[in-house]
Amino acid sequence: MKVVAVTACSSGIAHTYMAAEALEVVAKKYNIDISVETQGSIGIENELVQKDIDNAVCVILTNDMPIINEHRFEGKKVIRMSTSDVIKKADVIMKKIISTFK
């Protein structure tokens, strides 16, 4: 199962990267293939490639601020959450994705 995500917070520092790490750790726990793009204070890192977006069952977007190039995800199932919710609830998010897209 493939999932893609974009994390971004208003300051573009800690929460952006903490949310990305939380998703990656929990995805590994559940054997989910995840690619996470960060949009932080130094710009876009690990930019998602179209092939990964096309193969993803869903997209996780943080909603603390606008996501750059969000149009890439048109037609995909999108889950929107704050970075703090992603950090705190990454396990719940992945379990929901597994049960929904199995």
PDB file of N, CA and C in Angstrom:
ATOM      1  N   MET A   1       0.844  -1.174   0.000  1.00  0.00           N
ATOM      2  CA  MET A   1       0.000   0.000   0.000  1.00  0.00           C
ATOM      3  C   MET A   1       0.892   1.240   0.000  1.00  0.00           C
ATOM      4  N   LYS A   2       0.560   2.194  -0.847  1.00  0.00           N
ATOM      5  CA  LYS A   2       1.340   3.424  -0.984  1.00  0.00           C
ATOM      6  C   LYS A   2       0.533   4.614  -0.464  1.00  0.00           C
ATOM      7  N   VAL A   3       1.177   5.448   0.341  1.00  0.00           N
ATOM      8  CA  VAL A   3       0.590   6.685   0.862  1.00  0.00           C
ATOM      9  C   VAL A   3       1.596   7.792   0.621  1.00  0.00           C
ATOM     10  N   VAL A   4       1.099   8.981   0.285  1.00  0.00           N
ATOM     11  CA  VAL A   4       1.971  10.149   0.187  1.00  0.00           C
ATOM     12  C   VAL A   4       1.445  11.214   1.139  1.00  0.00           C
ATOM     13  N   ALA A   5       2.352  12.092   1.563  1.00  0.00           N
ATOM     14  CA  ALA A   5       1.972  13.147   2.504  1.00  0.00           C
ATOM     15  C   ALA A   5       2.806  14.387   2.256  1.00  0.00           C
ATOM     16  N   VAL A   6       2.241  15.531   2.645  1.00  0.00           N
ATOM     17  CA  VAL A   6       2.976  16.790   2.638  1.00  0.00           C
ATOM     18  C   VAL A   6       2.748  17.429   4.001  1.00  0.00           C
ATOM     19  N   THR A   7       3.844  17.745   4.680  1.00  0.00           N
ATOM     20  CA  THR A   7       3.735  18.398   5.976  1.00  0.00           C
ATOM     21  C   THR A   7       4.301  19.807   5.880  1.00  0.00           C
ATOM     22  N   ALA A   8       3.603  20.736   6.516  1.00  0.00           N
ATOM     23  CA  ALA A   8       4.031  22.131   6.548  1.00  0.00           C
ATOM     24  C   ALA A   8       3.374  22.800   7.743  1.00  0.00           C
ATOM     25  N   CYS A   9       4.136  23.588   8.475  1.00  0.00           N
ATOM     26  CA  CYS A   9       3.579  24.354   9.588  1.00  0.00           C
ATOM     27  C   CYS A   9       3.894  25.825   9.388  1.00  0.00           C
ATOM     28  N   SER A  10       3.265  26.657  10.165  1.00  0.00           N
ATOM     29  CA  SER A  10       3.388  28.102   9.949  1.00  0.00           C
ATOM     30  C   SER A  10       4.811  28.622  10.119  1.00  0.00           C
ATOM     31  N   SER A  11       5.578  28.039  11.020  1.00  0.00           N
ATOM     32  CA  SER A  11       6.967  28.498  11.167  1.00  0.00           C
ATOM     33  C   SER A  11       7.914  27.722  10.264  1.00  0.00           C
ATOM     34  N   GLY A  12       7.482  26.548   9.817  1.00  0.00           N
ATOM     35  CA  GLY A  12       8.293  25.760   8.890  1.00  0.00           C
ATOM     36  C   GLY A  12       9.520  25.144   9.513  1.00  0.00           C
ATOM     37  N   ILE A  13       9.459  24.956  10.815  1.00  0.00           N
ATOM     38  CA  ILE A  13      10.627  24.390  11.480  1.00  0.00           C
ATOM     39  C   ILE A  13      10.238  23.061  12.133  1.00  0.00           C
ATOM     40  N   ALA A  14      10.070  23.045  13.422  1.00  0.00           N
ATOM     41  CA  ALA A  14       9.934  21.804  14.177  1.00  0.00           C
ATOM     42  C   ALA A  14       8.746  20.943  13.773  1.00  0.00           C
ATOM     43  N   HIS A  15       7.532  21.478  13.790  1.00  0.00           N
ATOM     44  CA  HIS A  15       6.358  20.646  13.567  1.00  0.00           C
ATOM     45  C   HIS A  15       6.311  20.045  12.169  1.00  0.00           C
ATOM     46  N   THR A  16       6.827  20.742  11.185  1.00  0.00           N
ATOM     47  CA  THR A  16       6.878  20.199   9.820  1.00  0.00           C
ATOM     48  C   THR A  16       7.621  18.869   9.817  1.00  0.00           C
ATOM     49  N   TYR A  17       8.775  18.856  10.436  1.00  0.00           N
ATOM     50  CA  TYR A  17       9.643  17.676  10.419  1.00  0.00           C
ATOM     51  C   TYR A  17       9.202  16.624  11.435  1.00  0.00           C
ATOM     52  N   MET A  18       8.645  17.064  12.556  1.00  0.00           N
ATOM     53  CA  MET A  18       8.122  16.110  13.540  1.00  0.00           C
ATOM     54  C   MET A  18       6.941  15.331  12.964  1.00  0.00           C
ATOM     55  N   ALA A  19       6.078  16.015  12.232  1.00  0.00           N
ATOM     56  CA  ALA A  19       4.937  15.337  11.609  1.00  0.00           C
ATOM     57  C   ALA A  19       5.413  14.342  10.550  1.00  0.00           C
ATOM     58  N   ALA A  20       6.376  14.744   9.742  1.00  0.00           N
ATOM     59  CA  ALA A  20       6.929  13.843   8.727  1.00  0.00           C
ATOM     60  C   ALA A  20       7.527  12.596   9.375  1.00  0.00           C
ATOM     61  N   GLU A  21       8.298  12.805  10.419  1.00  0.00           N
ATOM     62  CA  GLU A  21       8.924  11.667  11.100  1.00  0.00           C
ATOM     63  C   GLU A  21       7.878  10.752  11.733  1.00  0.00           C
ATOM     64  N   ALA A  22       6.856  11.317  12.346  1.00  0.00           N
ATOM     65  CA  ALA A  22       5.805  10.497  12.957  1.00  0.00           C
ATOM     66  C   ALA A  22       5.132   9.607  11.915  1.00  0.00           C
ATOM     67  N   LEU A  23       4.822  10.175  10.762  1.00  0.00           N
ATOM     68  CA  LEU A  23       4.201   9.386   9.699  1.00  0.00           C
ATOM     69  C   LEU A  23       5.132   8.285   9.200  1.00  0.00           C
ATOM     70  N   GLU A  24       6.393   8.605   9.021  1.00  0.00           N
ATOM     71  CA  GLU A  24       7.350   7.610   8.523  1.00  0.00           C
ATOM     72  C   GLU A  24       7.557   6.473   9.514  1.00  0.00           C
ATOM     73  N   VAL A  25       7.640   6.782  10.792  1.00  0.00           N
ATOM     74  CA  VAL A  25       7.847   5.749  11.817  1.00  0.00           C
ATOM     75  C   VAL A  25       6.644   4.807  11.878  1.00  0.00           C
ATOM     76  N   VAL A  26       5.455   5.376  11.913  1.00  0.00           N
ATOM     77  CA  VAL A  26       4.260   4.543  12.020  1.00  0.00           C
ATOM     78  C   VAL A  26       3.999   3.773  10.724  1.00  0.00           C
ATOM     79  N   ALA A  27       4.251   4.373   9.585  1.00  0.00           N
ATOM     80  CA  ALA A  27       4.087   3.652   8.321  1.00  0.00           C
ATOM     81  C   ALA A  27       4.996   2.426   8.281  1.00  0.00           C
ATOM     82  N   LYS A  28       6.213   2.588   8.743  1.00  0.00           N
ATOM     83  CA  LYS A  28       7.146   1.455   8.784  1.00  0.00           C
ATOM     84  C   LYS A  28       6.600   0.354   9.694  1.00  0.00           C
ATOM     85  N   LYS A  29       6.047   0.753  10.826  1.00  0.00           N
ATOM     86  CA  LYS A  29       5.469  -0.204  11.788  1.00  0.00           C
ATOM     87  C   LYS A  29       4.403  -1.069  11.125  1.00  0.00           C
ATOM     88  N   TYR A  30       3.596  -0.467  10.243  1.00  0.00           N
ATOM     89  CA  TYR A  30       2.504  -1.182   9.581  1.00  0.00           C
ATOM     90  C   TYR A  30       2.842  -1.623   8.165  1.00  0.00           C
ATOM     91  N   ASN A  31       4.107  -1.539   7.805  1.00  0.00           N
ATOM     92  CA  ASN A  31       4.570  -1.977   6.483  1.00  0.00           C
ATOM     93  C   ASN A  31       3.847  -1.229   5.352  1.00  0.00           C
ATOM     94  N   ILE A  32       3.660   0.076   5.548  1.00  0.00           N
ATOM     95  CA  ILE A  32       3.062   0.937   4.537  1.00  0.00           C
ATOM     96  C   ILE A  32       4.189   1.710   3.864  1.00  0.00           C
ATOM     97  N   ASP A  33       4.166   1.733   2.558  1.00  0.00           N
ATOM     98  CA  ASP A  33       5.143   2.495   1.783  1.00  0.00           C
ATOM     99  C   ASP A  33       4.684   3.952   1.771  1.00  0.00           C
ATOM    100  N   ILE A  34       5.466   4.842   2.368  1.00  0.00           N
ATOM    101  CA  ILE A  34       5.082   6.247   2.440  1.00  0.00           C
ATOM    102  C   ILE A  34       6.196   7.142   1.910  1.00  0.00           C
ATOM    103  N   SER A  35       5.784   8.177   1.218  1.00  0.00           N
ATOM    104  CA  SER A  35       6.706   9.228   0.775  1.00  0.00           C
ATOM    105  C   SER A  35       6.176  10.529   1.359  1.00  0.00           C
ATOM    106  N   VAL A  36       7.051  11.258   2.051  1.00  0.00           N
ATOM    107  CA  VAL A  36       6.633  12.493   2.712  1.00  0.00           C
ATOM    108  C   VAL A  36       7.462  13.665   2.194  1.00  0.00           C
ATOM    109  N   GLU A  37       6.768  14.650   1.665  1.00  0.00           N
ATOM    110  CA  GLU A  37       7.383  15.905   1.242  1.00  0.00           C
ATOM    111  C   GLU A  37       7.233  16.902   2.390  1.00  0.00           C
ATOM    112  N   THR A  38       8.300  17.619   2.692  1.00  0.00           N
ATOM    113  CA  THR A  38       8.205  18.675   3.703  1.00  0.00           C
ATOM    114  C   THR A  38       8.310  20.029   3.012  1.00  0.00           C
ATOM    115  N   GLN A  39       7.507  20.940   3.498  1.00  0.00           N
ATOM    116  CA  GLN A  39       7.545  22.309   3.007  1.00  0.00           C
ATOM    117  C   GLN A  39       7.867  23.183   4.211  1.00  0.00           C
ATOM    118  N   GLY A  40       9.169  23.290   4.487  1.00  0.00           N
ATOM    119  CA  GLY A  40       9.630  23.983   5.673  1.00  0.00           C
ATOM    120  C   GLY A  40      10.269  25.315   5.373  1.00  0.00           C
ATOM    121  N   SER A  41      10.969  25.817   6.354  1.00  0.00           N
ATOM    122  CA  SER A  41      11.587  27.141   6.240  1.00  0.00           C
ATOM    123  C   SER A  41      12.669  27.191   5.164  1.00  0.00           C
ATOM    124  N   ILE A  42      13.219  26.033   4.791  1.00  0.00           N
ATOM    125  CA  ILE A  42      14.252  26.026   3.747  1.00  0.00           C
ATOM    126  C   ILE A  42      13.685  25.613   2.389  1.00  0.00           C
ATOM    127  N   GLY A  43      12.352  25.583   2.298  1.00  0.00           N
ATOM    128  CA  GLY A  43      11.703  25.253   1.038  1.00  0.00           C
ATOM    129  C   GLY A  43      11.190  23.827   0.998  1.00  0.00           C
ATOM    130  N   ILE A  44      10.946  23.329  -0.206  1.00  0.00           N
ATOM    131  CA  ILE A  44      10.422  21.978  -0.396  1.00  0.00           C
ATOM    132  C   ILE A  44      11.572  20.986  -0.374  1.00  0.00           C
ATOM    133  N   GLU A  45      11.406  19.960   0.450  1.00  0.00           N
ATOM    134  CA  GLU A  45      12.390  18.870   0.512  1.00  0.00           C
ATOM    135  C   GLU A  45      11.669  17.559   0.219  1.00  0.00           C
ATOM    136  N   ASN A  46      12.374  16.627  -0.389  1.00  0.00           N
ATOM    137  CA  ASN A  46      11.817  15.316  -0.737  1.00  0.00           C
ATOM    138  C   ASN A  46      10.545  15.467  -1.567  1.00  0.00           C
ATOM    139  N   GLU A  47      10.608  16.344  -2.576  1.00  0.00           N
ATOM    140  CA  GLU A  47       9.431  16.618  -3.395  1.00  0.00           C
ATOM    141  C   GLU A  47       8.864  15.331  -3.979  1.00  0.00           C
ATOM    142  N   LEU A  48       7.563  15.168  -3.841  1.00  0.00           N
ATOM    143  CA  LEU A  48       6.895  13.976  -4.333  1.00  0.00           C
ATOM    144  C   LEU A  48       6.958  13.907  -5.852  1.00  0.00           C
ATOM    145  N   VAL A  49       7.171  12.711  -6.358  1.00  0.00           N
ATOM    146  CA  VAL A  49       7.167  12.502  -7.807  1.00  0.00           C
ATOM    147  C   VAL A  49       5.769  12.044  -8.219  1.00  0.00           C
ATOM    148  N   GLN A  50       5.400  12.354  -9.441  1.00  0.00           N
ATOM    149  CA  GLN A  50       4.047  12.066  -9.914  1.00  0.00           C
ATOM    150  C   GLN A  50       3.717  10.576  -9.838  1.00  0.00           C
ATOM    151  N   LYS A  51       4.686   9.728 -10.084  1.00  0.00           N
ATOM    152  CA  LYS A  51       4.451   8.271 -10.026  1.00  0.00           C
ATOM    153  C   LYS A  51       3.985   7.857  -8.636  1.00  0.00           C
ATOM    154  N   ASP A  52       4.617   8.406  -7.592  1.00  0.00           N
ATOM    155  CA  ASP A  52       4.212   8.081  -6.222  1.00  0.00           C
ATOM    156  C   ASP A  52       2.810   8.596  -5.932  1.00  0.00           C
ATOM    157  N   ILE A  53       2.509   9.795  -6.402  1.00  0.00           N
ATOM    158  CA  ILE A  53       1.168  10.357  -6.206  1.00  0.00           C
ATOM    159  C   ILE A  53       0.134   9.487  -6.904  1.00  0.00           C
ATOM    160  N   ASP A  54       0.413   9.100  -8.130  1.00  0.00           N
ATOM    161  CA  ASP A  54      -0.520   8.276  -8.904  1.00  0.00           C
ATOM    162  C   ASP A  54      -0.770   6.926  -8.232  1.00  0.00           C
ATOM    163  N   ASN A  55       0.263   6.345  -7.616  1.00  0.00           N
ATOM    164  CA  ASN A  55       0.145   5.023  -7.001  1.00  0.00           C
ATOM    165  C   ASN A  55      -0.394   5.048  -5.576  1.00  0.00           C
ATOM    166  N   ALA A  56      -0.545   6.223  -5.003  1.00  0.00           N
ATOM    167  CA  ALA A  56      -0.985   6.332  -3.608  1.00  0.00           C
ATOM    168  C   ALA A  56      -2.486   6.082  -3.475  1.00  0.00           C
ATOM    169  N   VAL A  57      -2.854   5.383  -2.401  1.00  0.00           N
ATOM    170  CA  VAL A  57      -4.275   5.174  -2.114  1.00  0.00           C
ATOM    171  C   VAL A  57      -4.893   6.437  -1.529  1.00  0.00           C
ATOM    172  N   CYS A  58      -4.059   7.261  -0.893  1.00  0.00           N
ATOM    173  CA  CYS A  58      -4.538   8.528  -0.349  1.00  0.00           C
ATOM    174  C   CYS A  58      -3.366   9.475  -0.104  1.00  0.00           C
ATOM    175  N   VAL A  59      -3.742  10.716   0.181  1.00  0.00           N
ATOM    176  CA  VAL A  59      -2.774  11.783   0.429  1.00  0.00           C
ATOM    177  C   VAL A  59      -3.077  12.385   1.793  1.00  0.00           C
ATOM    178  N   ILE A  60      -2.050  12.538   2.611  1.00  0.00           N
ATOM    179  CA  ILE A  60      -2.197  13.216   3.899  1.00  0.00           C
ATOM    180  C   ILE A  60      -1.592  14.608   3.752  1.00  0.00           C
ATOM    181  N   LEU A  61      -2.399  15.635   4.029  1.00  0.00           N
ATOM    182  CA  LEU A  61      -1.919  17.008   3.959  1.00  0.00           C
ATOM    183  C   LEU A  61      -2.139  17.686   5.300  1.00  0.00           C
ATOM    184  N   THR A  62      -1.121  18.376   5.779  1.00  0.00           N
ATOM    185  CA  THR A  62      -1.337  19.176   6.975  1.00  0.00           C
ATOM    186  C   THR A  62      -2.029  20.463   6.555  1.00  0.00           C
ATOM    187  N   ASN A  63      -2.847  20.997   7.446  1.00  0.00           N
ATOM    188  CA  ASN A  63      -3.655  22.159   7.082  1.00  0.00           C
ATOM    189  C   ASN A  63      -3.309  23.403   7.902  1.00  0.00           C
ATOM    190  N   ASP A  64      -2.098  23.459   8.431  1.00  0.00           N
ATOM    191  CA  ASP A  64      -1.687  24.629   9.204  1.00  0.00           C
ATOM    192  C   ASP A  64      -1.469  25.845   8.316  1.00  0.00           C
ATOM    193  N   MET A  65      -1.181  25.605   7.073  1.00  0.00           N
ATOM    194  CA  MET A  65      -0.957  26.662   6.091  1.00  0.00           C
ATOM    195  C   MET A  65      -1.173  26.075   4.696  1.00  0.00           C
ATOM    196  N   PRO A  66      -1.308  26.913   3.669  1.00  0.00           N
ATOM    197  CA  PRO A  66      -1.525  26.375   2.317  1.00  0.00           C
ATOM    198  C   PRO A  66      -0.352  25.497   1.853  1.00  0.00           C
ATOM    199  N   ILE A  67      -0.681  24.418   1.158  1.00  0.00           N
ATOM    200  CA  ILE A  67       0.318  23.512   0.598  1.00  0.00           C
ATOM    201  C   ILE A  67       0.665  24.007  -0.804  1.00  0.00           C
ATOM    202  N   ILE A  68       1.943  24.153  -1.080  1.00  0.00           N
ATOM    203  CA  ILE A  68       2.405  24.588  -2.396  1.00  0.00           C
ATOM    204  C   ILE A  68       2.140  23.469  -3.413  1.00  0.00           C
ATOM    205  N   ASN A  69       1.644  23.834  -4.576  1.00  0.00           N
ATOM    206  CA  ASN A  69       1.366  22.884  -5.666  1.00  0.00           C
ATOM    207  C   ASN A  69       0.351  21.807  -5.284  1.00  0.00           C
ATOM    208  N   GLU A  70      -0.644  22.195  -4.514  1.00  0.00           N
ATOM    209  CA  GLU A  70      -1.648  21.233  -4.067  1.00  0.00           C
ATOM    210  C   GLU A  70      -2.454  20.633  -5.221  1.00  0.00           C
ATOM    211  N   HIS A  71      -2.488  21.311  -6.341  1.00  0.00           N
ATOM    212  CA  HIS A  71      -3.220  20.817  -7.508  1.00  0.00           C
ATOM    213  C   HIS A  71      -2.752  19.424  -7.947  1.00  0.00           C
ATOM    214  N   ARG A  72      -1.552  19.023  -7.550  1.00  0.00           N
ATOM    215  CA  ARG A  72      -1.015  17.697  -7.916  1.00  0.00           C
ATOM    216  C   ARG A  72      -1.887  16.554  -7.408  1.00  0.00           C
ATOM    217  N   PHE A  73      -2.721  16.839  -6.401  1.00  0.00           N
ATOM    218  CA  PHE A  73      -3.484  15.793  -5.733  1.00  0.00           C
ATOM    219  C   PHE A  73      -4.951  15.736  -6.147  1.00  0.00           C
ATOM    220  N   GLU A  74      -5.303  16.472  -7.200  1.00  0.00           N
ATOM    221  CA  GLU A  74      -6.686  16.449  -7.687  1.00  0.00           C
ATOM    222  C   GLU A  74      -7.091  15.023  -8.039  1.00  0.00           C
ATOM    223  N   GLY A  75      -8.267  14.637  -7.598  1.00  0.00           N
ATOM    224  CA  GLY A  75      -8.783  13.303  -7.875  1.00  0.00           C
ATOM    225  C   GLY A  75      -8.365  12.247  -6.869  1.00  0.00           C
ATOM    226  N   LYS A  76      -7.512  12.593  -5.921  1.00  0.00           N
ATOM    227  CA  LYS A  76      -7.060  11.641  -4.904  1.00  0.00           C
ATOM    228  C   LYS A  76      -7.868  11.838  -3.622  1.00  0.00           C
ATOM    229  N   LYS A  77      -8.003  10.789  -2.845  1.00  0.00           N
ATOM    230  CA  LYS A  77      -8.602  10.888  -1.512  1.00  0.00           C
ATOM    231  C   LYS A  77      -7.599  11.641  -0.637  1.00  0.00           C
ATOM    232  N   VAL A  78      -8.044  12.750  -0.027  1.00  0.00           N
ATOM    233  CA  VAL A  78      -7.157  13.587   0.770  1.00  0.00           C
ATOM    234  C   VAL A  78      -7.619  13.609   2.221  1.00  0.00           C
ATOM    235  N   ILE A  79      -6.672  13.409   3.114  1.00  0.00           N
ATOM    236  CA  ILE A  79      -6.902  13.520   4.556  1.00  0.00           C
ATOM    237  C   ILE A  79      -6.185  14.780   5.015  1.00  0.00           C
ATOM    238  N   ARG A  80      -6.912  15.692   5.641  1.00  0.00           N
ATOM    239  CA  ARG A  80      -6.318  16.941   6.131  1.00  0.00           C
ATOM    240  C   ARG A  80      -6.347  16.970   7.647  1.00  0.00           C
ATOM    241  N   MET A  81      -5.196  17.294   8.219  1.00  0.00           N
ATOM    242  CA  MET A  81      -5.079  17.393   9.676  1.00  0.00           C
ATOM    243  C   MET A  81      -4.020  18.428  10.016  1.00  0.00           C
ATOM    244  N   SER A  82      -4.077  18.934  11.219  1.00  0.00           N
ATOM    245  CA  SER A  82      -3.018  19.836  11.672  1.00  0.00           C
ATOM    246  C   SER A  82      -1.745  19.033  11.917  1.00  0.00           C
ATOM    247  N   THR A  83      -0.613  19.707  11.897  1.00  0.00           N
ATOM    248  CA  THR A  83       0.652  19.004  12.167  1.00  0.00           C
ATOM    249  C   THR A  83       0.638  18.405  13.563  1.00  0.00           C
ATOM    250  N   SER A  84       0.082  19.111  14.527  1.00  0.00           N
ATOM    251  CA  SER A  84       0.065  18.573  15.891  1.00  0.00           C
ATOM    252  C   SER A  84      -0.797  17.312  15.970  1.00  0.00           C
ATOM    253  N   ASP A  85      -1.919  17.260  15.235  1.00  0.00           N
ATOM    254  CA  ASP A  85      -2.726  16.038  15.209  1.00  0.00           C
ATOM    255  C   ASP A  85      -1.990  14.902  14.515  1.00  0.00           C
ATOM    256  N   VAL A  86      -1.272  15.206  13.454  1.00  0.00           N
ATOM    257  CA  VAL A  86      -0.495  14.167  12.767  1.00  0.00           C
ATOM    258  C   VAL A  86       0.552  13.590  13.718  1.00  0.00           C
ATOM    259  N   ILE A  87       1.222  14.462  14.455  1.00  0.00           N
ATOM    260  CA  ILE A  87       2.244  14.005  15.397  1.00  0.00           C
ATOM    261  C   ILE A  87       1.624  13.117  16.468  1.00  0.00           C
ATOM    262  N   LYS A  88       0.510  13.546  17.034  1.00  0.00           N
ATOM    263  CA  LYS A  88      -0.128  12.827  18.140  1.00  0.00           C
ATOM    264  C   LYS A  88      -0.899  11.588  17.689  1.00  0.00           C
ATOM    265  N   LYS A  89      -1.427  11.604  16.467  1.00  0.00           N
ATOM    266  CA  LYS A  89      -2.358  10.557  16.043  1.00  0.00           C
ATOM    267  C   LYS A  89      -1.891   9.783  14.810  1.00  0.00           C
ATOM    268  N   ALA A  90      -0.608   9.765  14.546  1.00  0.00           N
ATOM    269  CA  ALA A  90      -0.102   9.067  13.360  1.00  0.00           C
ATOM    270  C   ALA A  90      -0.519   7.603  13.347  1.00  0.00           C
ATOM    271  N   ASP A  91      -0.492   6.962  14.498  1.00  0.00           N
ATOM    272  CA  ASP A  91      -0.867   5.551  14.589  1.00  0.00           C
ATOM    273  C   ASP A  91      -2.332   5.361  14.199  1.00  0.00           C
ATOM    274  N   VAL A  92      -3.192   6.200  14.725  1.00  0.00           N
ATOM    275  CA  VAL A  92      -4.629   6.129  14.417  1.00  0.00           C
ATOM    276  C   VAL A  92      -4.869   6.383  12.927  1.00  0.00           C
ATOM    277  N   ILE A  93      -4.149   7.344  12.370  1.00  0.00           N
ATOM    278  CA  ILE A  93      -4.288   7.664  10.944  1.00  0.00           C
ATOM    279  C   ILE A  93      -3.954   6.442  10.097  1.00  0.00           C
ATOM    280  N   MET A  94      -2.829   5.802  10.386  1.00  0.00           N
ATOM    281  CA  MET A  94      -2.408   4.649   9.580  1.00  0.00           C
ATOM    282  C   MET A  94      -3.375   3.476   9.741  1.00  0.00           C
ATOM    283  N   LYS A  95      -3.881   3.249  10.943  1.00  0.00           N
ATOM    284  CA  LYS A  95      -4.856   2.174  11.141  1.00  0.00           C
ATOM    285  C   LYS A  95      -6.122   2.444  10.325  1.00  0.00           C
ATOM    286  N   LYS A  96      -6.542   3.708  10.287  1.00  0.00           N
ATOM    287  CA  LYS A  96      -7.728   4.070   9.507  1.00  0.00           C
ATOM    288  C   LYS A  96      -7.482   3.867   8.020  1.00  0.00           C
ATOM    289  N   ILE A  97      -6.309   4.237   7.547  1.00  0.00           N
ATOM    290  CA  ILE A  97      -5.960   4.044   6.145  1.00  0.00           C
ATOM    291  C   ILE A  97      -5.965   2.558   5.796  1.00  0.00           C
ATOM    292  N   ILE A  98      -5.384   1.751   6.655  1.00  0.00           N
ATOM    293  CA  ILE A  98      -5.361   0.296   6.426  1.00  0.00           C
ATOM    294  C   ILE A  98      -6.776  -0.252   6.338  1.00  0.00           C
ATOM    295  N   SER A  99      -7.632   0.113   7.288  1.00  0.00           N
ATOM    296  CA  SER A  99      -8.996  -0.440   7.288  1.00  0.00           C
ATOM    297  C   SER A  99      -9.827   0.085   6.107  1.00  0.00           C
ATOM    298  N   THR A 100      -9.571   1.301   5.677  1.00  0.00           N
ATOM    299  CA  THR A 100     -10.342   1.896   4.581  1.00  0.00           C
ATOM    300  C   THR A 100      -9.906   1.383   3.215  1.00  0.00           C
ATOM    301  N   PHE A 101      -8.599   1.214   3.016  1.00  0.00           N
ATOM    302  CA  PHE A 101      -8.084   0.910   1.673  1.00  0.00           C
ATOM    303  C   PHE A 101      -7.546  -0.503   1.516  1.00  0.00           C
ATOM    304  N   LYS A 102      -7.854  -1.371   2.436  1.00  0.00           N
ATOM    305  CA  LYS A 102      -7.369  -2.748   2.384  1.00  0.00           C
ATOM    306  C   LYS A 102      -7.858  -3.486   1.182  1.00  0.00           C
TER     307      LYS A 102
END
